[in-house]
Amino acid sequence: MIRQTILVSCGLFMNTLVAQEIPKILSQKTNYLPDFSYAGYHFGEKPIPESDGKIIYATDFGVKANDELDDSKALLKAFKTANAVDGNVILQLPAGRIILSEILYIERSNFVLRGAGSAENGTEIYCPRPMMYLKDSEVLAELREYLTTFDKRQREPENNIDLPFSQYAWSGGFIWTQVPGERVKSYLDKYEPEPNPLAKVSSGKMGEHVITVSEVKNLKVGDVVELQLFNKDDENGEIIKDLYQGAKVKPGSHHWKFPKLPIVRQQVEITKISGSKITLKTPLTISIKPNYQAQLVEWKHLNEVGIEHLRFTFPDIPRVAHHVEPGNNGIFLTRLFNSWVKDVKITNADSGILAEEVANTTIQDIITDGPHLAHYTVTLGGVHNILVKNLKIYNSAVHPLSFNTFSTKNVYQNCEIFIDPLLDQHSGANHQNLFDNITVHLKADKNNSYLLFGGGGADYWKPSHGPFSTFWNLNVLVENPDAAKTVLLYGMKDGALARIIGVHGNTKFEIKYYVDPYIEFLNQSIDKVPSLYNYQLQRRLK
């Protein structure tokens, strides 16, 4: 473990690493490395299916591509019919441009929205105006009240900007999955329901699968429920210390000001019940103690939902400011389990794909582009075990890759950022997430340095991330590299106990990262284990 301020020169580890084939952290027990292999559709154990079922053709309801007329009413009829079908259903969109100016809700399991492909001759969903012009969603009422109650405004005096946050800055999309009537996210204590746990949980160890519960009569093998841990002990709560593993970081006030809201949560599948012991499919991200008042609660969600083979296009409207985006958002995923998004291209979005309250879903083969500066591309907030695979980012974004509030055990794998890269961890008790085999293209500044490790988010949710967030085999390609100079990669000032293994590229690098990171294989690619996710998955499935 490397302590204190970290400034690692290009040659610090070279002599000791030349003979190594794989990083030491894979075999030693002194530096904890989470098992990320459970991320994705069916815990990474099954491929995304080629779904079958009853096909509903959108054209049968009046959708007509390329006629320059709005297709929203016809699409709403098609969705209503598809949502009512028993068994598996596929809503098939035609090739060509479809014009959409209403939100399309997927509200049932075993539903696939399928286009004719994301390429030029495939299906294009064109959204001519943003969601700010639509009727407010009832599901976001609590968010709107939260923004007003806490006077959330974007204040930039130097630009004469003092504007209220938009409800669509991190929520909403023209394709929106939801369980009708269920909260998307908890924002205010007063709307938190009275506790009605399926079981109270008294113990469990980080990285292990067995928990001890008060009773099992309301549980059965195969149930997918939510595990919740609380801080009921104000700013000195023991769970805060445990969450950050004693690292020298300063947690913000949201860690204790909302005692009714869980500070750590995982969506878990029960695989075994033996007396008061329950075995979970996935390992715990934090140990459980009695004073955390942990509980298992019902988690309402949809299964086997797919969105595939299409593209979204938005007009390139002027950008006003951060957090006041008008709502040109493509897909909003909520309340999903064992689902997927694949082969989707998104142009000129404020946010391409947003996810909240989702678990074990794969998002793969995604392209974002266009001249419009995005807020997010594909972002992960309040989600668990999500795999984002083969994401290509050609547009500028404030947060190109971002692990956001409450996100745990998620993976960005084989992604590439072509312009203004930033690897963002956005505060809010997010921990144990993985940037895996990522490629970034950047231009060093005049000091031969680059801000690569982002730590966004509000002060009340700091630090930027919890322990054991991991960067694995990061390929950094510098424009016009100078072989005689070393490039400094920096940015993170308050991220606890990160694992940074295999940062390399077309020049030599130094890394400056706070607090107490473990750094190995600097200026070496990890040829034997290019993907940590794949390595751990293969070992687990043997």
Protein backbone atom coordinates (compact mmCIF):
# COMPACT_ATOMS: atom_id res chain seq x y z
CA MET A 1 0.00 0.00 0.00
CA ILE A 2 1.29 3.45 -0.85
CA ARG A 3 0.57 6.07 1.85
CA GLN A 4 0.58 9.86 2.11
CA THR A 5 0.50 12.10 -0.96
CA ILE A 6 1.13 10.04 -4.07
CA LEU A 7 3.39 11.22 -6.85
CA VAL A 8 4.63 8.13 -8.64
CA SER A 9 7.33 8.59 -11.24
CA CYS A 10 7.51 6.65 -14.44
CA GLY A 11 10.32 4.40 -13.29
CA LEU A 12 9.42 3.77 -9.66
CA PHE A 13 8.21 0.22 -10.10
CA MET A 14 9.90 -0.74 -13.36
CA ASN A 15 12.75 -2.76 -11.88
CA THR A 16 10.44 -4.86 -9.73
CA LEU A 17 7.78 -5.38 -12.38
CA VAL A 18 9.80 -6.40 -15.42
CA ALA A 19 9.75 -10.06 -14.50
CA GLN A 20 6.11 -10.14 -13.40
CA GLU A 21 3.41 -11.58 -15.61
CA ILE A 22 0.36 -10.48 -13.65
CA PRO A 23 -0.12 -7.82 -10.97
CA LYS A 24 0.60 -8.85 -7.40
CA ILE A 25 -2.78 -7.63 -6.23
CA LEU A 26 -4.40 -10.65 -7.89
CA SER A 27 -2.63 -13.07 -5.58
CA GLN A 28 -1.91 -11.20 -2.34
CA LYS A 29 -4.41 -10.77 0.46
CA THR A 30 -2.99 -7.66 2.08
CA ASN A 31 -4.60 -5.27 -0.44
CA TYR A 32 -8.30 -5.93 -0.90
CA LEU A 33 -9.58 -6.18 -4.48
CA PRO A 34 -13.35 -6.58 -4.96
CA ASP A 35 -14.83 -9.30 -7.15
CA PHE A 36 -16.51 -7.38 -9.98
CA SER A 37 -17.51 -10.47 -11.94
CA TYR A 38 -21.18 -10.40 -10.91
CA ALA A 39 -21.93 -7.30 -13.00
CA GLY A 40 -24.20 -7.55 -16.01
CA TYR A 41 -27.15 -9.52 -17.34
CA HIS A 42 -27.73 -12.66 -15.23
CA PHE A 43 -24.53 -11.93 -13.27
CA GLY A 44 -22.46 -12.24 -16.45
CA GLU A 45 -23.35 -15.92 -16.69
CA LYS A 46 -25.64 -15.72 -19.73
CA PRO A 47 -25.35 -13.87 -23.05
CA ILE A 48 -27.94 -11.26 -23.98
CA PRO A 49 -30.69 -13.30 -25.66
CA GLU A 50 -32.10 -13.06 -29.15
CA SER A 51 -35.61 -12.69 -27.83
CA ASP A 52 -38.64 -14.40 -29.26
CA GLY A 53 -42.28 -13.78 -28.53
CA LYS A 54 -45.31 -12.08 -30.00
CA ILE A 55 -44.23 -9.32 -32.38
CA ILE A 56 -46.19 -6.07 -32.37
CA TYR A 57 -45.43 -3.96 -35.44
CA ALA A 58 -45.53 -0.24 -34.79
CA THR A 59 -46.55 0.31 -38.40
CA ASP A 60 -49.87 -1.44 -37.68
CA PHE A 61 -50.76 1.46 -35.39
CA GLY A 62 -50.01 4.23 -37.84
CA VAL A 63 -46.28 4.74 -37.36
CA LYS A 64 -44.90 5.78 -40.74
CA ALA A 65 -41.22 6.51 -41.09
CA ASN A 66 -39.78 9.33 -43.21
CA ASP A 67 -43.07 11.20 -43.70
CA GLU A 68 -41.92 14.21 -41.58
CA LEU A 69 -45.03 13.88 -39.37
CA ASP A 70 -45.06 13.27 -35.62
CA ASP A 71 -45.49 9.57 -34.72
CA SER A 72 -46.04 10.00 -30.98
CA LYS A 73 -49.76 9.18 -30.83
CA ALA A 74 -49.32 6.09 -32.95
CA LEU A 75 -46.36 4.95 -30.85
CA LEU A 76 -48.33 5.43 -27.64
CA LYS A 77 -51.05 3.14 -29.03
CA ALA A 78 -48.48 0.54 -30.00
CA PHE A 79 -46.89 0.67 -26.54
CA LYS A 80 -50.26 0.33 -24.82
CA THR A 81 -51.03 -2.79 -26.86
CA ALA A 82 -47.59 -4.29 -26.31
CA ASN A 83 -47.73 -3.64 -22.56
CA ALA A 84 -51.00 -5.64 -22.44
CA VAL A 85 -49.70 -8.76 -24.23
CA ASP A 86 -49.34 -11.94 -22.16
CA GLY A 87 -45.93 -13.57 -22.34
CA ASN A 88 -42.89 -12.30 -24.22
CA VAL A 89 -43.54 -9.37 -26.52
CA ILE A 90 -41.40 -7.52 -29.06
CA LEU A 91 -42.40 -4.07 -30.26
CA GLN A 92 -40.82 -3.76 -33.69
CA LEU A 93 -40.04 -0.31 -35.07
CA PRO A 94 -39.59 0.26 -38.80
CA ALA A 95 -36.46 1.48 -40.54
CA GLY A 96 -36.26 5.19 -41.22
CA ARG A 97 -36.90 8.34 -39.20
CA ILE A 98 -39.65 8.27 -36.57
CA ILE A 99 -40.58 11.57 -34.90
CA LEU A 100 -41.22 11.41 -31.16
CA SER A 101 -42.42 14.18 -28.84
CA GLU A 102 -43.85 12.14 -25.96
CA ILE A 103 -42.31 9.84 -23.35
CA LEU A 104 -42.73 6.13 -24.12
CA TYR A 105 -42.96 4.07 -20.92
CA ILE A 106 -42.04 0.39 -20.72
CA GLU A 107 -44.00 -0.82 -17.69
CA ARG A 108 -43.86 -4.62 -17.83
CA SER A 109 -41.39 -7.47 -17.85
CA ASN A 110 -40.48 -9.61 -20.88
CA PHE A 111 -40.65 -6.62 -23.22
CA VAL A 112 -38.23 -5.85 -26.03
CA LEU A 113 -38.23 -2.58 -27.96
CA ARG A 114 -36.42 -3.39 -31.21
CA GLY A 115 -35.45 -1.23 -34.14
CA ALA A 116 -33.99 -2.15 -37.51
CA GLY A 117 -30.43 -1.20 -36.49
CA SER A 118 -28.46 1.81 -35.30
CA ALA A 119 -26.78 2.52 -38.65
CA GLU A 120 -27.92 5.00 -41.31
CA ASN A 121 -30.35 2.53 -42.88
CA GLY A 122 -31.78 1.48 -39.50
CA THR A 123 -34.29 3.04 -37.12
CA GLU A 124 -33.88 6.68 -36.11
CA ILE A 125 -35.96 8.16 -33.31
CA TYR A 126 -35.85 11.93 -33.82
CA CYS A 127 -36.94 14.09 -30.88
CA PRO A 128 -37.53 17.66 -32.11
CA ARG A 129 -38.09 19.26 -28.69
CA PRO A 130 -36.85 18.48 -25.16
CA MET A 131 -38.83 17.08 -22.26
CA MET A 132 -39.14 20.47 -20.57
CA TYR A 133 -42.05 21.09 -22.95
CA LEU A 134 -43.85 17.90 -21.92
CA LYS A 135 -46.26 17.37 -19.05
CA ASP A 136 -44.36 16.85 -15.79
CA SER A 137 -43.99 13.22 -14.78
CA GLU A 138 -45.69 12.37 -11.49
CA VAL A 139 -42.78 10.07 -10.68
CA LEU A 140 -40.40 13.05 -10.55
CA ALA A 141 -42.62 15.12 -8.21
CA GLU A 142 -40.41 14.31 -5.22
CA LEU A 143 -37.31 15.34 -7.17
CA ARG A 144 -38.93 18.64 -8.14
CA GLU A 145 -39.80 19.30 -4.49
CA TYR A 146 -36.25 18.41 -3.43
CA LEU A 147 -34.77 20.84 -5.93
CA THR A 148 -37.04 23.61 -4.66
CA THR A 149 -36.68 22.80 -0.96
CA PHE A 150 -32.90 22.91 -1.10
CA ASP A 151 -32.82 25.84 -3.53
CA LYS A 152 -30.79 23.87 -6.06
CA ARG A 153 -29.59 26.47 -8.54
CA GLN A 154 -26.75 26.84 -10.97
CA ARG A 155 -24.95 30.00 -9.91
CA GLU A 156 -22.26 31.40 -12.17
CA PRO A 157 -21.93 35.14 -11.41
CA GLU A 158 -19.19 35.54 -13.99
CA ASN A 159 -21.69 34.40 -16.67
CA ASN A 160 -24.73 36.19 -15.18
CA ILE A 161 -26.35 32.81 -14.50
CA ASP A 162 -28.58 32.13 -11.51
CA LEU A 163 -31.06 29.49 -12.66
CA PRO A 164 -32.93 26.62 -10.96
CA PHE A 165 -31.74 23.09 -11.60
CA SER A 166 -33.67 21.15 -14.20
CA GLN A 167 -35.46 17.96 -13.16
CA TYR A 168 -33.90 16.43 -16.27
CA ALA A 169 -30.28 17.14 -15.37
CA TRP A 170 -29.90 13.53 -14.16
CA SER A 171 -33.36 11.98 -14.65
CA GLY A 172 -35.84 11.22 -17.40
CA GLY A 173 -35.69 9.97 -20.97
CA PHE A 174 -37.88 9.61 -24.03
CA ILE A 175 -37.74 5.84 -23.55
CA TRP A 176 -38.40 5.24 -19.86
CA THR A 177 -38.68 1.96 -17.97
CA GLN A 178 -40.66 2.04 -14.74
CA VAL A 179 -42.82 0.11 -12.33
CA PRO A 180 -45.98 2.24 -12.22
CA GLY A 181 -46.40 4.11 -8.95
CA GLU A 182 -42.94 3.28 -7.58
CA ARG A 183 -40.49 5.97 -6.52
CA VAL A 184 -37.54 6.36 -8.83
CA LYS A 185 -35.29 7.54 -6.03
CA SER A 186 -35.55 8.60 -2.39
CA TYR A 187 -34.90 12.33 -1.96
CA LEU A 188 -36.87 13.47 1.10
CA ASP A 189 -37.28 11.79 4.49
CA LYS A 190 -40.95 12.70 4.76
CA TYR A 191 -41.87 10.45 1.81
CA GLU A 192 -40.03 7.46 3.18
CA PRO A 193 -42.59 4.73 4.03
CA GLU A 194 -42.82 3.26 7.49
CA PRO A 195 -40.35 0.39 7.83
CA ASN A 196 -41.86 -2.95 6.86
CA PRO A 197 -38.83 -5.18 6.45
CA LEU A 198 -39.03 -8.73 5.24
CA ALA A 199 -36.22 -9.45 7.69
CA LYS A 200 -33.77 -7.58 9.88
CA VAL A 201 -30.11 -8.30 9.26
CA SER A 202 -27.62 -8.39 12.14
CA SER A 203 -24.33 -9.47 10.57
CA GLY A 204 -22.35 -10.23 7.43
CA LYS A 205 -18.77 -9.72 6.24
CA MET A 206 -17.53 -7.57 3.38
CA GLY A 207 -16.73 -9.70 0.35
CA GLU A 208 -18.70 -12.69 1.64
CA HIS A 209 -22.18 -13.97 0.77
CA VAL A 210 -23.79 -15.07 4.06
CA ILE A 211 -25.86 -12.82 6.30
CA THR A 212 -27.67 -13.48 9.56
CA VAL A 213 -31.32 -12.45 9.72
CA SER A 214 -34.06 -12.21 12.34
CA GLU A 215 -36.59 -14.35 10.50
CA VAL A 216 -37.03 -16.09 7.17
CA LYS A 217 -40.76 -16.71 6.92
CA ASN A 218 -41.22 -13.92 4.38
CA LEU A 219 -38.28 -15.03 2.22
CA LYS A 220 -37.62 -17.84 -0.22
CA VAL A 221 -34.82 -18.96 -2.47
CA GLY A 222 -34.90 -17.04 -5.76
CA ASP A 223 -36.27 -13.83 -4.26
CA VAL A 224 -34.63 -10.60 -5.44
CA VAL A 225 -34.79 -8.09 -2.60
CA GLU A 226 -32.99 -4.96 -1.48
CA LEU A 227 -30.48 -4.96 1.34
CA GLN A 228 -30.42 -1.60 3.12
CA LEU A 229 -27.97 -0.25 5.72
CA PHE A 230 -28.55 2.96 7.69
CA ASN A 231 -26.69 5.60 9.63
CA LYS A 232 -28.79 6.37 12.69
CA ASP A 233 -25.90 7.83 14.71
CA ASP A 234 -25.35 11.29 13.21
CA GLU A 235 -21.98 12.44 11.90
CA ASN A 236 -20.10 10.10 14.25
CA GLY A 237 -21.88 7.04 12.92
CA GLU A 238 -19.74 3.93 12.85
CA ILE A 239 -21.02 3.04 9.40
CA ILE A 240 -19.37 6.18 8.00
CA LYS A 241 -16.02 5.08 9.39
CA ASP A 242 -16.50 1.56 8.07
CA LEU A 243 -17.70 2.77 4.68
CA TYR A 244 -14.46 4.70 4.17
CA GLN A 245 -12.23 2.12 5.90
CA GLY A 246 -10.60 4.73 8.09
CA ALA A 247 -9.24 6.76 5.16
CA LYS A 248 -8.47 10.42 5.85
CA VAL A 249 -11.45 11.89 4.04
CA LYS A 250 -14.14 14.30 5.22
CA PRO A 251 -17.68 12.96 4.66
CA GLY A 252 -20.35 15.52 3.79
CA SER A 253 -23.53 16.18 5.74
CA HIS A 254 -25.82 13.99 3.61
CA HIS A 255 -24.14 11.01 5.27
CA TRP A 256 -26.11 11.77 8.45
CA LYS A 257 -28.88 14.29 7.70
CA PHE A 258 -31.29 11.71 6.27
CA PRO A 259 -31.36 8.85 8.81
CA LYS A 260 -34.49 7.31 7.28
CA LEU A 261 -32.77 6.82 3.94
CA PRO A 262 -30.32 3.94 3.52
CA ILE A 263 -26.73 5.01 3.01
CA VAL A 264 -25.72 1.65 1.48
CA ARG A 265 -27.97 -0.58 -0.58
CA GLN A 266 -27.64 -3.67 -2.73
CA GLN A 267 -30.20 -5.54 -4.81
CA VAL A 268 -29.54 -9.18 -3.97
CA GLU A 269 -30.81 -12.61 -5.00
CA ILE A 270 -31.28 -15.25 -2.31
CA THR A 271 -29.67 -18.58 -3.23
CA LYS A 272 -29.90 -20.50 0.06
CA ILE A 273 -31.73 -20.34 3.40
CA SER A 274 -30.46 -22.36 6.36
CA GLY A 275 -31.92 -21.44 9.73
CA SER A 276 -31.13 -17.78 10.34
CA LYS A 277 -28.39 -17.81 7.67
CA ILE A 278 -29.16 -16.54 4.17
CA THR A 279 -26.76 -16.93 1.27
CA LEU A 280 -26.76 -14.17 -1.33
CA LYS A 281 -25.70 -14.57 -4.95
CA THR A 282 -23.41 -11.55 -4.75
CA PRO A 283 -20.87 -10.50 -2.09
CA LEU A 284 -21.41 -7.70 0.39
CA THR A 285 -19.71 -4.37 -0.29
CA ILE A 286 -19.48 -3.55 3.43
CA SER A 287 -19.62 -5.55 6.64
CA ILE A 288 -22.91 -5.42 8.56
CA LYS A 289 -23.12 -4.60 12.26
CA PRO A 290 -26.22 -4.51 14.50
CA ASN A 291 -26.24 -0.72 14.88
CA TYR A 292 -26.57 -0.29 11.10
CA GLN A 293 -30.18 -1.51 11.51
CA ALA A 294 -29.81 -3.37 8.21
CA GLN A 295 -32.86 -4.91 6.63
CA LEU A 296 -34.14 -6.78 3.61
CA VAL A 297 -37.09 -5.11 1.93
CA GLU A 298 -39.25 -5.79 -1.10
CA TRP A 299 -37.77 -4.45 -4.33
CA LYS A 300 -40.31 -4.04 -7.11
CA HIS A 301 -38.74 -4.31 -10.55
CA LEU A 302 -39.08 -5.51 -14.13
CA ASN A 303 -37.22 -8.48 -15.64
CA GLU A 304 -36.01 -9.28 -19.13
CA VAL A 305 -36.52 -5.85 -20.66
CA GLY A 306 -34.48 -5.08 -23.76
CA ILE A 307 -33.93 -1.95 -25.87
CA GLU A 308 -31.93 -2.61 -29.02
CA HIS A 309 -30.96 -1.78 -32.60
CA LEU A 310 -31.91 1.88 -32.95
CA ARG A 311 -30.57 5.40 -32.71
CA PHE A 312 -31.69 8.68 -31.17
CA THR A 313 -31.12 12.08 -32.75
CA PHE A 314 -31.66 15.43 -31.07
CA PRO A 315 -31.26 18.91 -32.60
CA ASP A 316 -28.07 20.71 -31.58
CA ILE A 317 -29.73 23.39 -29.44
CA PRO A 318 -27.66 26.03 -27.59
CA ARG A 319 -26.44 24.99 -24.16
CA VAL A 320 -27.32 27.40 -21.35
CA ALA A 321 -25.46 26.01 -18.33
CA HIS A 322 -24.63 22.95 -16.26
CA HIS A 323 -27.60 21.38 -14.44
CA VAL A 324 -30.21 23.35 -16.41
CA GLU A 325 -30.41 20.94 -19.33
CA PRO A 326 -33.86 21.03 -20.98
CA GLY A 327 -34.19 17.27 -21.26
CA ASN A 328 -32.87 15.92 -24.55
CA ASN A 329 -32.30 12.56 -22.86
CA GLY A 330 -32.46 9.27 -24.72
CA ILE A 331 -33.12 6.38 -22.31
CA PHE A 332 -33.98 6.39 -18.60
CA LEU A 333 -33.67 2.99 -16.95
CA THR A 334 -35.36 2.47 -13.59
CA ARG A 335 -36.44 -0.61 -11.63
CA LEU A 336 -34.77 -3.20 -13.89
CA PHE A 337 -33.12 -6.53 -13.18
CA ASN A 338 -31.62 -8.96 -15.70
CA SER A 339 -32.21 -6.61 -18.63
CA TRP A 340 -30.20 -4.98 -21.41
CA VAL A 341 -29.63 -2.15 -23.86
CA LYS A 342 -27.55 -2.90 -26.96
CA ASP A 343 -26.63 -1.49 -30.36
CA VAL A 344 -27.81 2.09 -29.76
CA LYS A 345 -26.37 5.32 -31.18
CA ILE A 346 -27.24 8.66 -29.59
CA THR A 347 -26.53 12.04 -31.20
CA ASN A 348 -26.66 15.49 -29.54
CA ALA A 349 -28.20 14.30 -26.28
CA ASP A 350 -28.04 16.15 -22.98
CA SER A 351 -27.73 12.68 -21.46
CA GLY A 352 -27.65 9.54 -23.56
CA ILE A 353 -28.57 6.79 -21.08
CA LEU A 354 -29.37 7.40 -17.42
CA ALA A 355 -29.86 4.62 -14.88
CA GLU A 356 -31.33 4.69 -11.38
CA GLU A 357 -32.45 1.84 -9.10
CA VAL A 358 -31.30 -0.83 -11.55
CA ALA A 359 -29.29 -4.03 -11.02
CA ASN A 360 -27.64 -6.70 -13.15
CA THR A 361 -28.24 -5.06 -16.48
CA THR A 362 -25.87 -4.94 -19.46
CA ILE A 363 -25.53 -1.85 -21.64
CA GLN A 364 -23.34 -2.61 -24.64
CA ASP A 365 -22.32 -1.47 -28.10
CA ILE A 366 -23.31 2.15 -27.56
CA ILE A 367 -22.09 5.20 -29.52
CA THR A 368 -22.58 8.81 -28.47
CA ASP A 369 -21.63 11.67 -30.79
CA GLY A 370 -22.58 15.09 -32.13
CA PRO A 371 -21.38 18.68 -31.59
CA HIS A 372 -23.64 19.30 -28.57
CA LEU A 373 -21.88 19.30 -25.18
CA ALA A 374 -23.55 16.57 -23.14
CA HIS A 375 -23.98 16.36 -19.39
CA TYR A 376 -23.68 12.56 -19.34
CA THR A 377 -23.20 9.85 -21.97
CA VAL A 378 -24.04 6.63 -20.12
CA THR A 379 -24.05 7.28 -16.38
CA LEU A 380 -24.58 4.97 -13.43
CA GLY A 381 -26.23 6.38 -10.30
CA GLY A 382 -27.97 4.41 -7.57
CA VAL A 383 -27.33 1.15 -9.40
CA HIS A 384 -25.65 -2.16 -8.58
CA ASN A 385 -23.82 -4.68 -10.77
CA ILE A 386 -24.31 -2.84 -14.08
CA LEU A 387 -21.97 -3.67 -16.97
CA VAL A 388 -21.38 -0.97 -19.61
CA LYS A 389 -19.46 -2.61 -22.43
CA ASN A 390 -18.05 -1.25 -25.69
CA LEU A 391 -19.19 2.35 -25.25
CA LYS A 392 -17.60 4.72 -27.78
CA ILE A 393 -17.75 8.44 -26.93
CA TYR A 394 -17.06 10.85 -29.81
CA ASN A 395 -18.70 13.93 -28.29
CA SER A 396 -17.64 16.26 -25.50
CA ALA A 397 -19.39 15.62 -22.19
CA VAL A 398 -19.09 17.12 -18.73
CA HIS A 399 -18.94 13.59 -17.28
CA PRO A 400 -18.09 11.14 -20.09
CA LEU A 401 -17.90 8.10 -17.77
CA SER A 402 -19.40 8.58 -14.32
CA PHE A 403 -20.12 6.48 -11.25
CA ASN A 404 -22.68 8.53 -9.34
CA THR A 405 -24.48 8.54 -5.98
CA PHE A 406 -24.93 5.10 -4.34
CA SER A 407 -23.47 3.20 -7.30
CA THR A 408 -21.68 -0.03 -6.30
CA LYS A 409 -19.93 -2.92 -8.07
CA ASN A 410 -20.53 -1.50 -11.56
CA VAL A 411 -18.16 -1.85 -14.50
CA TYR A 412 -17.23 0.22 -17.54
CA GLN A 413 -15.44 -2.29 -19.79
CA ASN A 414 -13.70 -1.84 -23.16
CA CYS A 415 -14.91 1.75 -23.48
CA GLU A 416 -13.15 4.50 -25.43
CA ILE A 417 -13.29 8.29 -25.06
CA PHE A 418 -12.07 10.18 -28.11
CA ILE A 419 -12.39 13.76 -26.89
CA ASP A 420 -11.95 15.52 -23.52
CA PRO A 421 -11.77 12.34 -21.44
CA LEU A 422 -12.61 12.33 -17.75
CA LEU A 423 -13.06 9.31 -15.50
CA ASP A 424 -15.57 10.69 -13.01
CA GLN A 425 -16.59 9.39 -9.60
CA HIS A 426 -19.40 11.61 -8.52
CA SER A 427 -19.61 11.40 -4.71
CA GLY A 428 -22.59 10.07 -2.77
CA ALA A 429 -21.20 6.95 -1.06
CA ASN A 430 -20.38 5.27 -4.37
CA HIS A 431 -17.74 2.59 -3.85
CA GLN A 432 -16.20 -0.53 -5.39
CA ASN A 433 -16.69 0.35 -9.05
CA LEU A 434 -14.39 -0.62 -11.93
CA PHE A 435 -12.96 1.18 -14.97
CA ASP A 436 -11.79 -1.87 -16.95
CA ASN A 437 -9.58 -1.78 -20.05
CA ILE A 438 -10.52 1.80 -20.92
CA THR A 439 -8.85 3.79 -23.72
CA VAL A 440 -8.70 7.60 -23.62
CA HIS A 441 -7.39 10.12 -26.15
CA LEU A 442 -6.14 13.38 -24.67
CA LYS A 443 -4.02 16.45 -25.25
CA ALA A 444 -1.70 17.38 -22.37
CA ASP A 445 -1.76 20.97 -21.15
CA LYS A 446 1.19 23.38 -21.22
CA ASN A 447 2.51 21.86 -18.00
CA ASN A 448 2.51 18.42 -19.61
CA SER A 449 -0.29 17.27 -17.34
CA TYR A 450 -3.94 16.32 -17.69
CA LEU A 451 -6.91 16.22 -15.31
CA LEU A 452 -8.09 12.64 -15.93
CA PHE A 453 -9.43 11.50 -12.57
CA GLY A 454 -12.61 13.47 -11.90
CA GLY A 455 -14.30 13.88 -8.55
CA GLY A 456 -17.60 15.63 -9.20
CA GLY A 457 -20.63 16.05 -6.99
CA ALA A 458 -21.75 18.41 -4.24
CA ASP A 459 -19.77 18.98 -1.04
CA TYR A 460 -22.57 17.51 1.11
CA TRP A 461 -21.99 14.13 -0.58
CA LYS A 462 -18.19 14.16 -0.57
CA PRO A 463 -15.80 12.36 -0.70
CA SER A 464 -15.72 11.60 -4.41
CA HIS A 465 -15.69 7.85 -3.87
CA GLY A 466 -15.34 5.20 -1.21
CA PRO A 467 -12.72 2.45 -0.94
CA PHE A 468 -11.58 0.01 -3.58
CA SER A 469 -12.73 1.77 -6.71
CA THR A 470 -10.47 0.28 -9.37
CA PHE A 471 -8.77 1.37 -12.60
CA TRP A 472 -7.47 -1.62 -14.57
CA ASN A 473 -5.35 -1.55 -17.74
CA LEU A 474 -5.99 2.08 -18.61
CA ASN A 475 -4.62 2.93 -22.08
CA VAL A 476 -3.80 6.64 -22.37
CA LEU A 477 -3.04 7.96 -25.86
CA VAL A 478 -1.55 11.45 -25.85
CA GLU A 479 -1.74 13.69 -28.90
CA ASN A 480 1.78 14.48 -30.16
CA PRO A 481 3.61 12.86 -27.23
CA ASP A 482 7.08 14.11 -26.35
CA ALA A 483 9.26 11.08 -25.58
CA ALA A 484 11.56 13.24 -23.46
CA LYS A 485 8.76 14.35 -21.12
CA THR A 486 6.56 12.52 -18.64
CA VAL A 487 2.84 13.33 -18.56
CA LEU A 488 1.25 13.85 -15.15
CA LEU A 489 -2.27 12.41 -14.77
CA TYR A 490 -4.09 13.99 -11.83
CA GLY A 491 -7.40 15.25 -10.51
CA MET A 492 -8.66 13.14 -7.62
CA LYS A 493 -8.30 14.92 -4.28
CA ASP A 494 -10.53 12.89 -1.97
CA GLY A 495 -10.99 9.34 -3.25
CA ALA A 496 -10.33 6.69 -0.64
CA LEU A 497 -8.08 3.68 -1.23
CA ALA A 498 -8.34 3.41 -5.00
CA ARG A 499 -6.67 0.58 -6.92
CA ILE A 500 -4.80 1.87 -9.99
CA ILE A 501 -3.20 -0.96 -11.94
CA GLY A 502 -1.76 -0.90 -15.45
CA VAL A 503 -1.84 2.76 -16.53
CA HIS A 504 0.12 2.88 -19.80
CA GLY A 505 0.05 4.40 -23.27
CA ASN A 506 2.19 6.04 -25.95
CA THR A 507 4.40 7.95 -23.49
CA LYS A 508 5.51 7.77 -19.86
CA PHE A 509 3.18 8.79 -17.05
CA GLU A 510 3.17 9.93 -13.46
CA ILE A 511 0.04 9.69 -11.31
CA LYS A 512 -1.12 12.05 -8.60
CA TYR A 513 -4.15 10.66 -6.77
CA TYR A 514 -5.41 11.20 -3.22
CA VAL A 515 -6.02 9.43 -0.73
CA ASP A 516 -3.79 6.38 -0.19
CA PRO A 517 -4.12 4.58 -3.52
CA TYR A 518 -2.54 1.27 -4.38
CA ILE A 519 -0.61 1.67 -7.64
CA GLU A 520 1.00 -1.14 -9.62
CA PHE A 521 2.12 -1.85 -13.18
CA LEU A 522 2.62 1.84 -13.92
CA ASN A 523 3.71 2.32 -17.54
CA GLN A 524 2.99 -1.32 -18.32
CA SER A 525 -0.01 -2.83 -20.04
CA ILE A 526 -1.45 -5.90 -18.38
CA ASP A 527 -1.08 -8.24 -21.34
CA LYS A 528 -1.80 -11.41 -19.39
CA VAL A 529 -4.99 -10.02 -17.85
CA PRO A 530 -6.25 -7.21 -20.11
CA SER A 531 -9.72 -7.24 -18.47
CA LEU A 532 -10.13 -7.71 -14.73
CA TYR A 533 -13.86 -8.35 -15.18
CA ASN A 534 -13.26 -11.17 -17.66
CA TYR A 535 -10.47 -12.64 -15.52
CA GLN A 536 -12.62 -12.74 -12.39
CA LEU A 537 -15.67 -14.04 -14.27
CA GLN A 538 -13.73 -16.90 -15.85
CA ARG A 539 -12.25 -17.91 -12.50
CA ARG A 540 -15.66 -17.82 -10.82
CA LEU A 541 -17.38 -19.90 -13.49
CA LYS A 542 -14.73 -22.63 -13.61
